[in-house]
Amino acid sequence: MTKEKPIIAVKLSGLFVKSDAWKKGHQMWFDFISQELNDESIKEWLKKEKYFEGVESCMRRLYPEKSGMERTAIARKLYFELVLDYVDFGKDGVVNKDVVDFFMKLKDNFRIALITTNTFSFTYRILDILDLRELFDIIACSELEEEDDKVLVFERFVCEHAKPVYYVGGNKKDVYEYCKKNDIPYIHANFENEEILHGAKCAKTVLELSRLIK
């Protein structure tokens, strides 16, 4: 039996695709819901780290008769549709082509696995819009009714496949701590000048990233 190539796990937003679409979708979601509830104070949740508490509060007000899972599914579906509309409108300028080219070359020696809290439906749609489907050998997503929890998706991925030899991610501390605990080398792809993730190796350019992946 031929031995499978090792896995490099990656994020999508901020690496292959500029994160503007997700940030704009986040803003548009709270703008839309504030209009639905006629409550401008809802927009204050945009500034808070635990913004999903605001999402849950809004959904309880809009759909008091539904279960928590149903409300989460409705909220996330709206968010993903807003992001897709934004990406589809400006798709010519949202892909980091040099990053895509670099990882396409890595496919000779590695499998590229996308780990994302986007849903499968949304992920396949956005990859098709941007012509990125063939880049990824494995795609791991969250379920529509789940909260935005990448550690949960990561845990499922490792159980189903294997630990990646690298994870190229953002500056989420919980994901970094998970990787550190499980001896998964973490590279912070800081292409958009995020807050520095202390303790993680950092790459601000594709050249720097290439020096860290061996």
N, C-alpha and C. Protein backbone atom coordinates (compact mmCIF):
# COMPACT_ATOMS: atom_id res chain seq x y z
N MET A 1 0.84 -1.20 0.00
CA MET A 1 0.00 0.00 0.00
C MET A 1 0.88 1.25 0.00
N THR A 2 0.52 2.21 -0.86
CA THR A 2 1.27 3.45 -0.93
C THR A 2 0.96 4.32 0.29
N LYS A 3 2.00 4.80 0.92
CA LYS A 3 1.82 5.64 2.10
C LYS A 3 1.26 6.99 1.68
N GLU A 4 0.24 7.45 2.41
CA GLU A 4 -0.37 8.74 2.10
C GLU A 4 0.57 9.88 2.45
N LYS A 5 0.47 10.92 1.67
CA LYS A 5 1.30 12.10 1.93
C LYS A 5 0.86 12.77 3.23
N PRO A 6 1.80 13.40 3.94
CA PRO A 6 1.44 14.11 5.17
C PRO A 6 0.51 15.29 4.86
N ILE A 7 -0.15 15.77 5.90
CA ILE A 7 -1.17 16.80 5.76
C ILE A 7 -0.67 18.15 6.26
N ILE A 8 -0.91 19.18 5.48
CA ILE A 8 -0.80 20.56 5.96
C ILE A 8 -2.23 21.09 6.07
N ALA A 9 -2.62 21.47 7.28
CA ALA A 9 -3.95 22.02 7.49
C ALA A 9 -3.89 23.54 7.42
N VAL A 10 -4.96 24.14 6.92
CA VAL A 10 -4.94 25.59 6.67
C VAL A 10 -6.30 26.21 6.97
N LYS A 11 -6.29 27.52 7.14
CA LYS A 11 -7.52 28.30 7.20
C LYS A 11 -7.83 28.80 5.78
N LEU A 12 -8.97 29.43 5.62
CA LEU A 12 -9.36 29.99 4.32
C LEU A 12 -9.29 31.51 4.33
N SER A 13 -10.05 32.13 5.22
CA SER A 13 -10.10 33.59 5.31
C SER A 13 -8.79 34.16 5.84
N GLY A 14 -8.26 35.15 5.13
CA GLY A 14 -7.01 35.78 5.55
C GLY A 14 -5.78 35.09 5.02
N LEU A 15 -5.95 33.95 4.38
CA LEU A 15 -4.82 33.23 3.78
C LEU A 15 -5.01 33.14 2.27
N PHE A 16 -5.96 32.35 1.84
CA PHE A 16 -6.24 32.22 0.41
C PHE A 16 -7.20 33.30 -0.09
N VAL A 17 -8.08 33.71 0.81
CA VAL A 17 -9.10 34.69 0.46
C VAL A 17 -9.02 35.84 1.46
N LYS A 18 -9.02 37.06 0.96
CA LYS A 18 -8.97 38.22 1.85
C LYS A 18 -10.16 38.18 2.82
N SER A 19 -9.90 38.55 4.06
CA SER A 19 -10.91 38.41 5.11
C SER A 19 -12.00 39.47 5.05
N ASP A 20 -11.89 40.43 4.13
CA ASP A 20 -12.87 41.52 4.06
C ASP A 20 -14.30 41.00 3.94
N ALA A 21 -14.48 39.93 3.17
CA ALA A 21 -15.83 39.41 2.95
C ALA A 21 -16.46 38.94 4.25
N TRP A 22 -15.70 38.25 5.09
CA TRP A 22 -16.22 37.77 6.36
C TRP A 22 -16.49 38.95 7.30
N LYS A 23 -15.58 39.91 7.32
CA LYS A 23 -15.77 41.07 8.19
C LYS A 23 -16.98 41.89 7.74
N LYS A 24 -17.12 42.05 6.43
CA LYS A 24 -18.26 42.81 5.91
C LYS A 24 -19.56 42.07 6.18
N GLY A 25 -19.53 40.74 6.01
CA GLY A 25 -20.72 39.93 6.29
C GLY A 25 -21.14 40.04 7.74
N HIS A 26 -20.16 40.08 8.63
CA HIS A 26 -20.40 40.23 10.06
C HIS A 26 -21.12 41.55 10.33
N GLN A 27 -20.63 42.61 9.72
CA GLN A 27 -21.24 43.94 9.89
C GLN A 27 -22.64 43.97 9.30
N MET A 28 -22.80 43.42 8.10
CA MET A 28 -24.10 43.45 7.44
C MET A 28 -25.14 42.65 8.22
N TRP A 29 -24.68 41.56 8.88
CA TRP A 29 -25.61 40.74 9.66
C TRP A 29 -26.21 41.57 10.80
N PHE A 30 -25.36 42.23 11.56
CA PHE A 30 -25.86 43.02 12.68
C PHE A 30 -26.64 44.25 12.21
N ASP A 31 -26.27 44.82 11.06
CA ASP A 31 -27.05 45.92 10.50
C ASP A 31 -28.46 45.45 10.15
N PHE A 32 -28.54 44.30 9.51
CA PHE A 32 -29.84 43.76 9.09
C PHE A 32 -30.72 43.44 10.30
N ILE A 33 -30.13 42.77 11.30
CA ILE A 33 -30.90 42.37 12.47
C ILE A 33 -31.32 43.59 13.30
N SER A 34 -30.48 44.61 13.34
CA SER A 34 -30.86 45.83 14.07
C SER A 34 -32.08 46.49 13.44
N GLN A 35 -32.18 46.40 12.11
CA GLN A 35 -33.36 46.93 11.42
C GLN A 35 -34.59 46.07 11.69
N GLU A 36 -34.38 44.75 11.69
CA GLU A 36 -35.50 43.83 11.95
C GLU A 36 -36.09 44.06 13.34
N LEU A 37 -35.23 44.33 14.31
CA LEU A 37 -35.67 44.51 15.68
C LEU A 37 -35.84 45.99 16.06
N ASN A 38 -35.53 46.87 15.10
CA ASN A 38 -35.62 48.31 15.35
C ASN A 38 -34.85 48.69 16.61
N ASP A 39 -33.60 48.24 16.65
CA ASP A 39 -32.78 48.44 17.85
C ASP A 39 -31.32 48.68 17.43
N GLU A 40 -30.91 49.94 17.39
CA GLU A 40 -29.56 50.29 16.96
C GLU A 40 -28.48 49.80 17.92
N SER A 41 -28.84 49.57 19.18
CA SER A 41 -27.85 49.13 20.17
C SER A 41 -27.26 47.76 19.84
N ILE A 42 -27.96 47.00 19.02
CA ILE A 42 -27.48 45.67 18.63
C ILE A 42 -26.12 45.75 17.95
N LYS A 43 -25.86 46.84 17.24
CA LYS A 43 -24.60 46.99 16.50
C LYS A 43 -23.39 47.05 17.43
N GLU A 44 -23.60 47.30 18.71
CA GLU A 44 -22.51 47.35 19.68
C GLU A 44 -21.82 45.99 19.81
N TRP A 45 -22.55 44.92 19.48
CA TRP A 45 -21.95 43.58 19.58
C TRP A 45 -20.81 43.40 18.58
N LEU A 46 -20.76 44.21 17.55
CA LEU A 46 -19.68 44.13 16.56
C LEU A 46 -18.32 44.37 17.19
N LYS A 47 -18.29 45.14 18.27
CA LYS A 47 -17.02 45.51 18.90
C LYS A 47 -16.58 44.51 19.96
N LYS A 48 -17.42 43.52 20.24
CA LYS A 48 -17.14 42.62 21.34
C LYS A 48 -16.56 41.29 20.86
N GLU A 49 -15.61 40.75 21.64
CA GLU A 49 -14.98 39.48 21.27
C GLU A 49 -16.00 38.35 21.29
N LYS A 50 -16.86 38.33 22.28
CA LYS A 50 -17.88 37.26 22.40
C LYS A 50 -19.16 37.70 21.69
N TYR A 51 -19.01 38.02 20.42
CA TYR A 51 -20.13 38.56 19.65
C TYR A 51 -21.27 37.57 19.52
N PHE A 52 -20.95 36.24 19.62
CA PHE A 52 -22.01 35.25 19.39
C PHE A 52 -23.06 35.30 20.50
N GLU A 53 -22.70 35.84 21.65
CA GLU A 53 -23.71 36.05 22.69
C GLU A 53 -24.76 37.03 22.19
N GLY A 54 -24.32 38.02 21.41
CA GLY A 54 -25.25 38.97 20.81
C GLY A 54 -26.12 38.31 19.76
N VAL A 55 -25.51 37.42 18.98
CA VAL A 55 -26.28 36.67 17.97
C VAL A 55 -27.38 35.88 18.65
N GLU A 56 -27.03 35.16 19.72
CA GLU A 56 -28.02 34.35 20.43
C GLU A 56 -29.13 35.21 21.02
N SER A 57 -28.75 36.38 21.57
CA SER A 57 -29.75 37.27 22.14
C SER A 57 -30.72 37.77 21.08
N CYS A 58 -30.19 38.15 19.94
CA CYS A 58 -31.04 38.62 18.84
C CYS A 58 -31.97 37.52 18.33
N MET A 59 -31.44 36.32 18.20
CA MET A 59 -32.24 35.21 17.69
C MET A 59 -33.35 34.82 18.67
N ARG A 60 -33.07 34.93 19.96
CA ARG A 60 -34.13 34.64 20.94
C ARG A 60 -35.26 35.65 20.82
N ARG A 61 -34.91 36.91 20.54
CA ARG A 61 -35.93 37.95 20.39
C ARG A 61 -36.74 37.74 19.11
N LEU A 62 -36.08 37.31 18.06
CA LEU A 62 -36.75 37.13 16.77
C LEU A 62 -37.55 35.83 16.71
N TYR A 63 -37.00 34.77 17.31
CA TYR A 63 -37.61 33.44 17.20
C TYR A 63 -37.71 32.77 18.57
N PRO A 64 -38.51 33.32 19.48
CA PRO A 64 -38.60 32.77 20.83
C PRO A 64 -39.16 31.35 20.87
N GLU A 65 -39.90 30.97 19.84
CA GLU A 65 -40.53 29.64 19.84
C GLU A 65 -39.60 28.53 19.34
N LYS A 66 -38.46 28.91 18.76
CA LYS A 66 -37.56 27.91 18.18
C LYS A 66 -36.50 27.48 19.19
N SER A 67 -35.89 26.32 18.93
CA SER A 67 -34.82 25.82 19.80
C SER A 67 -33.53 26.59 19.54
N GLY A 68 -32.58 26.45 20.46
CA GLY A 68 -31.29 27.12 20.30
C GLY A 68 -30.58 26.70 19.02
N MET A 69 -30.63 25.40 18.70
CA MET A 69 -29.97 24.91 17.49
C MET A 69 -30.63 25.48 16.24
N GLU A 70 -31.96 25.57 16.27
CA GLU A 70 -32.66 26.13 15.11
C GLU A 70 -32.32 27.60 14.93
N ARG A 71 -32.26 28.34 16.03
CA ARG A 71 -31.92 29.77 15.93
C ARG A 71 -30.50 29.97 15.42
N THR A 72 -29.56 29.13 15.89
CA THR A 72 -28.18 29.23 15.42
C THR A 72 -28.10 28.96 13.92
N ALA A 73 -28.84 27.95 13.46
CA ALA A 73 -28.84 27.60 12.04
C ALA A 73 -29.36 28.75 11.19
N ILE A 74 -30.43 29.41 11.65
CA ILE A 74 -31.01 30.54 10.91
C ILE A 74 -30.01 31.70 10.85
N ALA A 75 -29.37 31.98 11.99
CA ALA A 75 -28.41 33.09 12.06
C ALA A 75 -27.23 32.85 11.15
N ARG A 76 -26.69 31.64 11.17
CA ARG A 76 -25.50 31.36 10.37
C ARG A 76 -25.83 31.32 8.88
N LYS A 77 -27.00 30.81 8.53
CA LYS A 77 -27.39 30.77 7.12
C LYS A 77 -27.46 32.18 6.55
N LEU A 78 -28.04 33.10 7.30
CA LEU A 78 -28.10 34.49 6.85
C LEU A 78 -26.71 35.07 6.69
N TYR A 79 -25.85 34.82 7.66
CA TYR A 79 -24.48 35.34 7.60
C TYR A 79 -23.75 34.83 6.37
N PHE A 80 -23.82 33.53 6.12
CA PHE A 80 -23.10 32.96 4.98
C PHE A 80 -23.64 33.49 3.65
N GLU A 81 -24.93 33.72 3.57
CA GLU A 81 -25.50 34.28 2.33
C GLU A 81 -24.98 35.69 2.09
N LEU A 82 -24.84 36.47 3.16
CA LEU A 82 -24.31 37.83 3.03
C LEU A 82 -22.86 37.81 2.57
N VAL A 83 -22.07 36.89 3.12
CA VAL A 83 -20.67 36.77 2.71
C VAL A 83 -20.57 36.34 1.25
N LEU A 84 -21.38 35.38 0.86
CA LEU A 84 -21.35 34.89 -0.53
C LEU A 84 -21.71 36.01 -1.51
N ASP A 85 -22.70 36.81 -1.17
CA ASP A 85 -23.07 37.93 -2.04
C ASP A 85 -21.90 38.88 -2.22
N TYR A 86 -21.19 39.15 -1.13
CA TYR A 86 -20.05 40.06 -1.18
C TYR A 86 -18.93 39.47 -2.04
N VAL A 87 -18.64 38.18 -1.84
CA VAL A 87 -17.57 37.52 -2.59
C VAL A 87 -17.91 37.45 -4.06
N ASP A 88 -19.14 37.08 -4.37
CA ASP A 88 -19.55 36.94 -5.76
C ASP A 88 -19.47 38.28 -6.49
N PHE A 89 -19.78 39.35 -5.79
CA PHE A 89 -19.74 40.69 -6.40
C PHE A 89 -18.32 41.14 -6.70
N GLY A 90 -17.38 40.82 -5.80
CA GLY A 90 -16.01 41.32 -5.99
C GLY A 90 -14.98 40.22 -6.11
N LYS A 91 -15.36 39.10 -6.73
CA LYS A 91 -14.52 37.90 -6.72
C LYS A 91 -13.16 38.09 -7.41
N ASP A 92 -13.06 39.03 -8.33
CA ASP A 92 -11.79 39.20 -9.04
C ASP A 92 -10.68 39.74 -8.15
N GLY A 93 -11.04 40.34 -7.01
CA GLY A 93 -10.00 40.93 -6.18
C GLY A 93 -9.85 40.33 -4.80
N VAL A 94 -10.50 39.21 -4.53
CA VAL A 94 -10.48 38.69 -3.16
C VAL A 94 -9.53 37.51 -2.95
N VAL A 95 -9.03 36.92 -4.02
CA VAL A 95 -8.15 35.75 -3.89
C VAL A 95 -6.68 36.19 -3.85
N ASN A 96 -5.92 35.62 -2.91
CA ASN A 96 -4.47 35.84 -2.86
C ASN A 96 -3.80 34.82 -3.77
N LYS A 97 -3.58 35.19 -5.01
CA LYS A 97 -3.14 34.24 -6.03
C LYS A 97 -1.74 33.70 -5.76
N ASP A 98 -0.87 34.51 -5.16
CA ASP A 98 0.47 34.02 -4.87
C ASP A 98 0.44 32.93 -3.80
N VAL A 99 -0.49 33.04 -2.86
CA VAL A 99 -0.65 32.00 -1.83
C VAL A 99 -1.19 30.72 -2.46
N VAL A 100 -2.17 30.86 -3.34
CA VAL A 100 -2.73 29.70 -4.02
C VAL A 100 -1.66 28.99 -4.83
N ASP A 101 -0.85 29.73 -5.56
CA ASP A 101 0.21 29.13 -6.38
C ASP A 101 1.22 28.39 -5.51
N PHE A 102 1.56 28.96 -4.37
CA PHE A 102 2.52 28.32 -3.45
C PHE A 102 1.99 26.99 -2.95
N PHE A 103 0.74 26.96 -2.53
CA PHE A 103 0.18 25.71 -2.00
C PHE A 103 -0.08 24.67 -3.09
N MET A 104 -0.34 25.13 -4.29
CA MET A 104 -0.50 24.18 -5.40
C MET A 104 0.81 23.42 -5.63
N LYS A 105 1.94 24.10 -5.46
CA LYS A 105 3.24 23.43 -5.60
C LYS A 105 3.49 22.46 -4.44
N LEU A 106 2.99 22.81 -3.25
CA LEU A 106 3.17 21.92 -2.10
C LEU A 106 2.42 20.60 -2.26
N LYS A 107 1.41 20.58 -3.10
CA LYS A 107 0.59 19.39 -3.27
C LYS A 107 1.39 18.20 -3.82
N ASP A 108 2.57 18.46 -4.37
CA ASP A 108 3.41 17.34 -4.83
C ASP A 108 3.87 16.48 -3.65
N ASN A 109 4.00 17.10 -2.49
CA ASN A 109 4.54 16.39 -1.32
C ASN A 109 3.60 16.34 -0.12
N PHE A 110 2.52 17.11 -0.16
CA PHE A 110 1.60 17.17 0.97
C PHE A 110 0.15 17.11 0.48
N ARG A 111 -0.73 16.68 1.37
CA ARG A 111 -2.16 16.89 1.17
C ARG A 111 -2.54 18.19 1.88
N ILE A 112 -3.35 19.00 1.23
CA ILE A 112 -3.77 20.27 1.80
C ILE A 112 -5.19 20.11 2.34
N ALA A 113 -5.33 20.36 3.64
CA ALA A 113 -6.63 20.18 4.30
C ALA A 113 -7.15 21.52 4.79
N LEU A 114 -8.34 21.86 4.37
CA LEU A 114 -8.99 23.09 4.83
C LEU A 114 -9.82 22.78 6.06
N ILE A 115 -9.54 23.48 7.15
CA ILE A 115 -10.32 23.35 8.38
C ILE A 115 -11.00 24.69 8.63
N THR A 116 -12.32 24.67 8.63
CA THR A 116 -13.06 25.93 8.68
C THR A 116 -14.35 25.78 9.47
N THR A 117 -14.79 26.87 10.08
CA THR A 117 -16.08 26.86 10.75
C THR A 117 -17.21 27.24 9.80
N ASN A 118 -16.89 27.46 8.54
CA ASN A 118 -17.95 27.60 7.55
C ASN A 118 -18.63 26.24 7.38
N THR A 119 -19.85 26.25 6.88
CA THR A 119 -20.55 25.00 6.63
C THR A 119 -20.07 24.38 5.31
N PHE A 120 -20.39 23.10 5.10
CA PHE A 120 -20.00 22.44 3.85
C PHE A 120 -20.64 23.13 2.66
N SER A 121 -21.93 23.43 2.77
CA SER A 121 -22.64 24.06 1.66
C SER A 121 -22.00 25.40 1.29
N PHE A 122 -21.77 26.23 2.29
CA PHE A 122 -21.15 27.53 2.04
C PHE A 122 -19.74 27.37 1.48
N THR A 123 -18.96 26.47 2.07
CA THR A 123 -17.56 26.30 1.67
C THR A 123 -17.45 25.88 0.22
N TYR A 124 -18.24 24.89 -0.18
CA TYR A 124 -18.18 24.45 -1.58
C TYR A 124 -18.65 25.54 -2.53
N ARG A 125 -19.63 26.30 -2.11
CA ARG A 125 -20.12 27.39 -2.98
C ARG A 125 -19.05 28.47 -3.15
N ILE A 126 -18.39 28.85 -2.07
CA ILE A 126 -17.39 29.91 -2.19
C ILE A 126 -16.16 29.41 -2.95
N LEU A 127 -15.79 28.15 -2.75
CA LEU A 127 -14.65 27.61 -3.49
C LEU A 127 -14.96 27.52 -4.98
N ASP A 128 -16.21 27.20 -5.31
CA ASP A 128 -16.59 27.13 -6.72
C ASP A 128 -16.62 28.52 -7.35
N ILE A 129 -17.13 29.50 -6.61
CA ILE A 129 -17.16 30.87 -7.13
C ILE A 129 -15.76 31.37 -7.45
N LEU A 130 -14.80 31.00 -6.57
CA LEU A 130 -13.43 31.50 -6.70
C LEU A 130 -12.50 30.52 -7.40
N ASP A 131 -13.06 29.40 -7.86
CA ASP A 131 -12.29 28.39 -8.59
C ASP A 131 -11.12 27.85 -7.75
N LEU A 132 -11.42 27.48 -6.51
CA LEU A 132 -10.38 27.00 -5.60
C LEU A 132 -10.61 25.55 -5.15
N ARG A 133 -11.64 24.90 -5.69
CA ARG A 133 -12.00 23.57 -5.18
C ARG A 133 -10.85 22.58 -5.29
N GLU A 134 -10.12 22.59 -6.42
CA GLU A 134 -9.08 21.58 -6.63
C GLU A 134 -7.86 21.77 -5.74
N LEU A 135 -7.76 22.89 -5.06
CA LEU A 135 -6.62 23.15 -4.19
C LEU A 135 -6.61 22.22 -2.98
N PHE A 136 -7.79 21.86 -2.48
CA PHE A 136 -7.88 21.15 -1.21
C PHE A 136 -8.16 19.66 -1.41
N ASP A 137 -7.36 18.85 -0.73
CA ASP A 137 -7.54 17.40 -0.78
C ASP A 137 -8.56 16.93 0.26
N ILE A 138 -8.67 17.67 1.35
CA ILE A 138 -9.60 17.36 2.43
C ILE A 138 -10.25 18.66 2.87
N ILE A 139 -11.54 18.61 3.16
CA ILE A 139 -12.25 19.79 3.65
C ILE A 139 -13.04 19.39 4.90
N ALA A 140 -12.77 20.09 6.00
CA ALA A 140 -13.47 19.84 7.26
C ALA A 140 -14.22 21.10 7.66
N CYS A 141 -15.50 20.97 7.91
CA CYS A 141 -16.36 22.13 8.19
C CYS A 141 -17.17 21.91 9.46
N SER A 142 -17.88 22.94 9.85
CA SER A 142 -18.81 22.82 10.98
C SER A 142 -20.21 22.56 10.44
N GLU A 143 -21.09 22.10 11.32
CA GLU A 143 -22.48 21.93 10.96
C GLU A 143 -23.20 23.26 11.12
N LEU A 144 -24.29 23.43 10.40
CA LEU A 144 -24.99 24.71 10.38
C LEU A 144 -25.49 25.10 11.77
N GLU A 145 -25.89 24.12 12.57
CA GLU A 145 -26.46 24.41 13.88
C GLU A 145 -25.41 24.59 14.97
N GLU A 146 -24.12 24.44 14.62
CA GLU A 146 -23.04 24.61 15.59
C GLU A 146 -22.58 26.06 15.65
N GLU A 147 -22.07 26.44 16.81
CA GLU A 147 -21.49 27.77 16.95
C GLU A 147 -20.13 27.82 16.24
N ASP A 148 -19.59 29.02 16.15
CA ASP A 148 -18.31 29.25 15.49
C ASP A 148 -17.18 28.75 16.40
N ASP A 149 -16.83 27.46 16.28
CA ASP A 149 -15.86 26.83 17.17
C ASP A 149 -14.89 25.98 16.35
N LYS A 150 -13.75 26.56 15.99
CA LYS A 150 -12.80 25.84 15.13
C LYS A 150 -12.13 24.70 15.86
N VAL A 151 -11.96 24.81 17.18
CA VAL A 151 -11.34 23.71 17.93
C VAL A 151 -12.19 22.45 17.80
N LEU A 152 -13.50 22.59 17.85
CA LEU A 152 -14.39 21.44 17.68
C LEU A 152 -14.19 20.79 16.31
N VAL A 153 -14.11 21.61 15.27
CA VAL A 153 -13.90 21.08 13.92
C VAL A 153 -12.53 20.42 13.83
N PHE A 154 -11.53 21.03 14.45
CA PHE A 154 -10.16 20.51 14.43
C PHE A 154 -10.11 19.13 15.11
N GLU A 155 -10.78 19.00 16.25
CA GLU A 155 -10.79 17.73 16.97
C GLU A 155 -11.40 16.61 16.13
N ARG A 156 -12.49 16.93 15.45
CA ARG A 156 -13.13 15.93 14.58
C ARG A 156 -12.20 15.55 13.43
N PHE A 157 -11.53 16.56 12.89
CA PHE A 157 -10.63 16.31 11.77
C PHE A 157 -9.51 15.34 12.17
N VAL A 158 -8.88 15.59 13.30
CA VAL A 158 -7.77 14.74 13.76
C VAL A 158 -8.26 13.32 14.02
N CYS A 159 -9.44 13.16 14.58
CA CYS A 159 -9.99 11.82 14.84
C CYS A 159 -10.24 11.08 13.53
N GLU A 160 -10.70 11.78 12.51
CA GLU A 160 -11.05 11.14 11.25
C GLU A 160 -9.85 10.92 10.35
N HIS A 161 -8.89 11.82 10.39
CA HIS A 161 -7.74 11.73 9.49
C HIS A 161 -6.46 11.47 10.29
N ALA A 162 -5.75 12.51 10.61
CA ALA A 162 -4.51 12.40 11.39
C ALA A 162 -4.10 13.80 11.79
N LYS A 163 -3.13 13.90 12.67
CA LYS A 163 -2.61 15.22 13.00
C LYS A 163 -1.84 15.76 11.80
N PRO A 164 -2.08 17.01 11.44
CA PRO A 164 -1.30 17.61 10.35
C PRO A 164 0.14 17.86 10.79
N VAL A 165 1.04 17.91 9.83
CA VAL A 165 2.44 18.22 10.15
C VAL A 165 2.63 19.72 10.36
N TYR A 166 1.69 20.53 9.85
CA TYR A 166 1.65 21.97 10.11
C TYR A 166 0.20 22.40 10.12
N TYR A 167 -0.09 23.45 10.90
CA TYR A 167 -1.34 24.16 10.74
C TYR A 167 -1.01 25.61 10.45
N VAL A 168 -1.50 26.11 9.32
CA VAL A 168 -1.30 27.51 8.93
C VAL A 168 -2.60 28.24 9.21
N GLY A 169 -2.60 29.03 10.29
CA GLY A 169 -3.84 29.64 10.73
C GLY A 169 -3.70 31.12 11.03
N GLY A 170 -4.68 31.63 11.77
CA GLY A 170 -4.69 33.04 12.12
C GLY A 170 -4.24 33.25 13.55
N ASN A 171 -4.83 34.24 14.20
CA ASN A 171 -4.36 34.58 15.55
C ASN A 171 -5.37 34.19 16.63
N LYS A 172 -6.13 33.12 16.39
CA LYS A 172 -7.07 32.63 17.39
C LYS A 172 -6.33 31.85 18.47
N LYS A 173 -6.38 32.37 19.68
CA LYS A 173 -5.61 31.78 20.77
C LYS A 173 -6.07 30.38 21.12
N ASP A 174 -7.38 30.12 21.04
CA ASP A 174 -7.87 28.80 21.42
C ASP A 174 -7.37 27.73 20.45
N VAL A 175 -7.27 28.07 19.16
CA VAL A 175 -6.77 27.11 18.18
C VAL A 175 -5.27 26.89 18.38
N TYR A 176 -4.56 27.97 18.66
CA TYR A 176 -3.13 27.85 18.93
C TYR A 176 -2.88 26.97 20.15
N GLU A 177 -3.64 27.17 21.21
CA GLU A 177 -3.47 26.37 22.42
C GLU A 177 -3.80 24.90 22.16
N TYR A 178 -4.81 24.65 21.34
CA TYR A 178 -5.13 23.27 20.98
C TYR A 178 -3.97 22.61 20.24
N CYS A 179 -3.42 23.33 19.27
CA CYS A 179 -2.30 22.79 18.50
C CYS A 179 -1.07 22.58 19.39
N LYS A 180 -0.81 23.53 20.25
CA LYS A 180 0.34 23.42 21.16
C LYS A 180 0.19 22.21 22.06
N LYS A 181 -0.99 22.00 22.60
CA LYS A 181 -1.27 20.86 23.49
C LYS A 181 -1.10 19.54 22.77
N ASN A 182 -1.40 19.52 21.47
CA ASN A 182 -1.37 18.28 20.70
C ASN A 182 -0.15 18.17 19.78
N ASP A 183 0.86 18.99 20.04
CA ASP A 183 2.13 18.92 19.29
C ASP A 183 1.94 19.07 17.79
N ILE A 184 1.12 20.02 17.41
CA ILE A 184 0.92 20.34 16.00
C ILE A 184 1.61 21.67 15.72
N PRO A 185 2.66 21.69 14.91
CA PRO A 185 3.37 22.95 14.63
C PRO A 185 2.42 23.99 14.03
N TYR A 186 2.43 25.17 14.64
CA TYR A 186 1.49 26.23 14.28
C TYR A 186 2.23 27.38 13.62
N ILE A 187 1.74 27.80 12.47
CA ILE A 187 2.29 28.96 11.77
C ILE A 187 1.19 30.01 11.65
N HIS A 188 1.45 31.18 12.18
CA HIS A 188 0.50 32.28 12.07
C HIS A 188 0.74 32.99 10.74
N ALA A 189 -0.18 32.80 9.80
CA ALA A 189 -0.09 33.48 8.51
C ALA A 189 -0.66 34.89 8.68
N ASN A 190 0.20 35.80 9.05
CA ASN A 190 -0.23 37.16 9.39
C ASN A 190 -0.09 38.07 8.19
N PHE A 191 -0.86 37.77 7.14
CA PHE A 191 -0.77 38.54 5.89
C PHE A 191 -1.58 39.83 5.94
N GLU A 192 -2.39 40.00 6.99
CA GLU A 192 -3.26 41.17 7.06
C GLU A 192 -2.99 42.00 8.32
N ASN A 193 -1.77 41.86 8.85
CA ASN A 193 -1.33 42.65 10.01
C ASN A 193 -2.29 42.53 11.20
N GLU A 194 -2.58 41.29 11.56
CA GLU A 194 -3.38 41.02 12.74
C GLU A 194 -2.54 41.27 14.00
N GLU A 195 -3.22 41.22 15.12
CA GLU A 195 -2.50 41.25 16.40
C GLU A 195 -1.60 40.02 16.48
N ILE A 196 -0.37 40.20 16.93
CA ILE A 196 0.60 39.11 16.98
C ILE A 196 0.15 38.02 17.94
N LEU A 197 0.28 36.79 17.52
CA LEU A 197 -0.05 35.64 18.36
C LEU A 197 1.24 35.18 19.04
N HIS A 198 1.42 35.55 20.27
CA HIS A 198 2.65 35.29 20.99
C HIS A 198 2.87 33.78 21.18
N GLY A 199 4.09 33.35 20.83
CA GLY A 199 4.44 31.94 20.96
C GLY A 199 4.43 31.19 19.66
N ALA A 200 3.68 31.69 18.69
CA ALA A 200 3.58 31.02 17.40
C ALA A 200 4.59 31.59 16.40
N LYS A 201 5.10 30.73 15.52
CA LYS A 201 5.91 31.22 14.43
C LYS A 201 5.02 32.03 13.49
N CYS A 202 5.58 33.11 12.95
CA CYS A 202 4.77 34.04 12.17
C CYS A 202 5.36 34.24 10.77
N ALA A 203 4.49 34.27 9.78
CA ALA A 203 4.89 34.57 8.40
C ALA A 203 4.01 35.70 7.88
N LYS A 204 4.64 36.77 7.42
CA LYS A 204 3.89 37.90 6.89
C LYS A 204 3.88 37.94 5.37
N THR A 205 4.66 37.07 4.75
CA THR A 205 4.71 36.98 3.29
C THR A 205 4.77 35.51 2.89
N VAL A 206 4.52 35.25 1.63
CA VAL A 206 4.62 33.87 1.12
C VAL A 206 6.06 33.38 1.23
N LEU A 207 7.03 34.25 1.00
CA LEU A 207 8.43 33.85 1.13
C LEU A 207 8.74 33.40 2.55
N GLU A 208 8.28 34.15 3.54
CA GLU A 208 8.51 33.76 4.93
C GLU A 208 7.80 32.44 5.24
N LEU A 209 6.61 32.26 4.69
CA LEU A 209 5.88 31.01 4.88
C LEU A 209 6.63 29.83 4.28
N SER A 210 7.21 30.03 3.12
CA SER A 210 7.95 28.95 2.47
C SER A 210 9.18 28.51 3.27
N ARG A 211 9.74 29.43 4.03
CA ARG A 211 10.92 29.11 4.85
C ARG A 211 10.54 28.32 6.09
N LEU A 212 9.26 28.38 6.49
CA LEU A 212 8.83 27.68 7.69
C LEU A 212 8.26 26.29 7.40
N ILE A 213 7.85 26.05 6.16
CA ILE A 213 7.33 24.74 5.77
C ILE A 213 8.42 23.97 5.05
N LYS A 214 8.82 22.86 5.65
CA LYS A 214 9.95 22.09 5.10
C LYS A 214 9.55 20.68 4.75
